[in-house]
Structure formats: C-alpha cells, structure tokens
Amino acid sequence: MKELGLGLFLVGLVSLVLPFLGMKFMFLTWIEQWGATTSLLIRGGITLVGLLLWLSFRNRD
C-alpha cells in the first residue's frame, strides 16, 4: 500500500503541475470533460489520497 500511495501521490502531483506547462497525461484527459474546477478537484483528491496512503503505511514492513 505504501508503494501505491507513493505512486498515486506522484501521479497526482505531476498531473497538477503539467497543465501549467501546457501538457497533459493521456490517461487523465477524460477528467477535462467535467470542467476546470472539477478536474482540479479530482487531481487534488488523487494527490491527497496518495499522500494519506503513503503516510499511513510508510512505517509498516
């Protein structure tokens, strides 16, 4: 779960930064259909869930 959380966090963080550089993830372009605010909330949610998973499972073996 720690690796899944880290992966989600990194994908979410990169997906938040890429639109400011004029780029997008191909597999997240469907989010844009719901508008800018909703896509930002979804990307922020992915980042937050990944961070929470990583923080909660980082000390477990």
C-alpha atoms as a PDB file:
ATOM      1  CA  MET A   1       0.000   0.000   0.000  1.00  0.00           C
ATOM      2  CA  LYS A   2       2.930   2.283   0.638  1.00  0.00           C
ATOM      3  CA  GLU A   3       4.051   1.989  -2.978  1.00  0.00           C
ATOM      4  CA  LEU A   4       0.512   2.505  -4.271  1.00  0.00           C
ATOM      5  CA  GLY A   5       0.184   5.639  -2.147  1.00  0.00           C
ATOM      6  CA  LEU A   6       3.504   6.992  -3.362  1.00  0.00           C
ATOM      7  CA  GLY A   7       2.556   6.258  -6.967  1.00  0.00           C
ATOM      8  CA  LEU A   8      -0.823   7.975  -6.643  1.00  0.00           C
ATOM      9  CA  PHE A   9       0.787  10.935  -4.926  1.00  0.00           C
ATOM     10  CA  LEU A  10       3.386  11.362  -7.662  1.00  0.00           C
ATOM     11  CA  VAL A  11       0.866  10.950 -10.496  1.00  0.00           C
ATOM     12  CA  GLY A  12      -1.475  13.423  -8.829  1.00  0.00           C
ATOM     13  CA  LEU A  13       1.285  15.927  -8.172  1.00  0.00           C
ATOM     14  CA  VAL A  14       2.601  15.750 -11.727  1.00  0.00           C
ATOM     15  CA  SER A  15      -0.938  15.973 -13.124  1.00  0.00           C
ATOM     16  CA  LEU A  16      -1.464  19.167 -11.121  1.00  0.00           C
ATOM     17  CA  VAL A  17       1.722  20.760 -12.486  1.00  0.00           C
ATOM     18  CA  LEU A  18       1.577  19.668 -16.144  1.00  0.00           C
ATOM     19  CA  PRO A  19      -1.381  21.871 -17.237  1.00  0.00           C
ATOM     20  CA  PHE A  20       0.603  24.940 -16.232  1.00  0.00           C
ATOM     21  CA  LEU A  21       3.315  23.802 -18.650  1.00  0.00           C
ATOM     22  CA  GLY A  22       0.817  23.153 -21.454  1.00  0.00           C
ATOM     23  CA  MET A  23       0.983  19.346 -21.222  1.00  0.00           C
ATOM     24  CA  LYS A  24      -1.370  16.591 -20.023  1.00  0.00           C
ATOM     25  CA  PHE A  25      -1.328  12.930 -19.047  1.00  0.00           C
ATOM     26  CA  MET A  26      -3.035  10.960 -21.818  1.00  0.00           C
ATOM     27  CA  PHE A  27      -4.854   8.683 -19.392  1.00  0.00           C
ATOM     28  CA  LEU A  28      -6.263  11.620 -17.398  1.00  0.00           C
ATOM     29  CA  THR A  29      -7.690  13.645 -20.305  1.00  0.00           C
ATOM     30  CA  TRP A  30     -11.211  12.328 -19.596  1.00  0.00           C
ATOM     31  CA  ILE A  31     -11.218  14.464 -16.440  1.00  0.00           C
ATOM     32  CA  GLU A  32     -11.180  17.623 -18.564  1.00  0.00           C
ATOM     33  CA  GLN A  33     -14.709  16.846 -19.838  1.00  0.00           C
ATOM     34  CA  TRP A  34     -16.208  17.912 -16.491  1.00  0.00           C
ATOM     35  CA  GLY A  35     -14.647  21.351 -16.459  1.00  0.00           C
ATOM     36  CA  ALA A  36     -11.617  23.020 -14.963  1.00  0.00           C
ATOM     37  CA  THR A  37     -12.797  23.150 -11.344  1.00  0.00           C
ATOM     38  CA  THR A  38     -13.910  19.529 -11.215  1.00  0.00           C
ATOM     39  CA  SER A  39     -10.733  18.291 -12.882  1.00  0.00           C
ATOM     40  CA  LEU A  40      -8.658  20.256 -10.386  1.00  0.00           C
ATOM     41  CA  LEU A  41     -10.626  18.723  -7.500  1.00  0.00           C
ATOM     42  CA  ILE A  42     -10.190  15.201  -8.884  1.00  0.00           C
ATOM     43  CA  ARG A  43      -6.443  15.682  -9.352  1.00  0.00           C
ATOM     44  CA  GLY A  44      -6.139  17.187  -5.889  1.00  0.00           C
ATOM     45  CA  GLY A  45      -8.113  14.254  -4.491  1.00  0.00           C
ATOM     46  CA  ILE A  46      -5.814  11.754  -6.188  1.00  0.00           C
ATOM     47  CA  THR A  47      -2.838  13.563  -4.704  1.00  0.00           C
ATOM     48  CA  LEU A  48      -4.394  13.707  -1.235  1.00  0.00           C
ATOM     49  CA  VAL A  49      -5.421  10.029  -1.217  1.00  0.00           C
ATOM     50  CA  GLY A  50      -1.936   9.027  -2.331  1.00  0.00           C
ATOM     51  CA  LEU A  51      -0.333  11.148   0.377  1.00  0.00           C
ATOM     52  CA  LEU A  52      -2.634   9.722   3.049  1.00  0.00           C
ATOM     53  CA  LEU A  53      -1.934   6.145   1.962  1.00  0.00           C
ATOM     54  CA  TRP A  54       1.793   6.735   1.900  1.00  0.00           C
ATOM     55  CA  LEU A  55       1.844   8.422   5.305  1.00  0.00           C
ATOM     56  CA  SER A  56      -0.312   5.782   6.948  1.00  0.00           C
ATOM     57  CA  PHE A  57       1.674   2.807   5.628  1.00  0.00           C
ATOM     58  CA  ARG A  58       5.237   4.171   5.445  1.00  0.00           C
ATOM     59  CA  ASN A  59       6.394   2.682   8.767  1.00  0.00           C
ATOM     60  CA  ARG A  60       4.951  -0.782   8.178  1.00  0.00           C
ATOM     61  CA  ASP A  61       7.002  -3.620   6.757  1.00  0.00           C
END
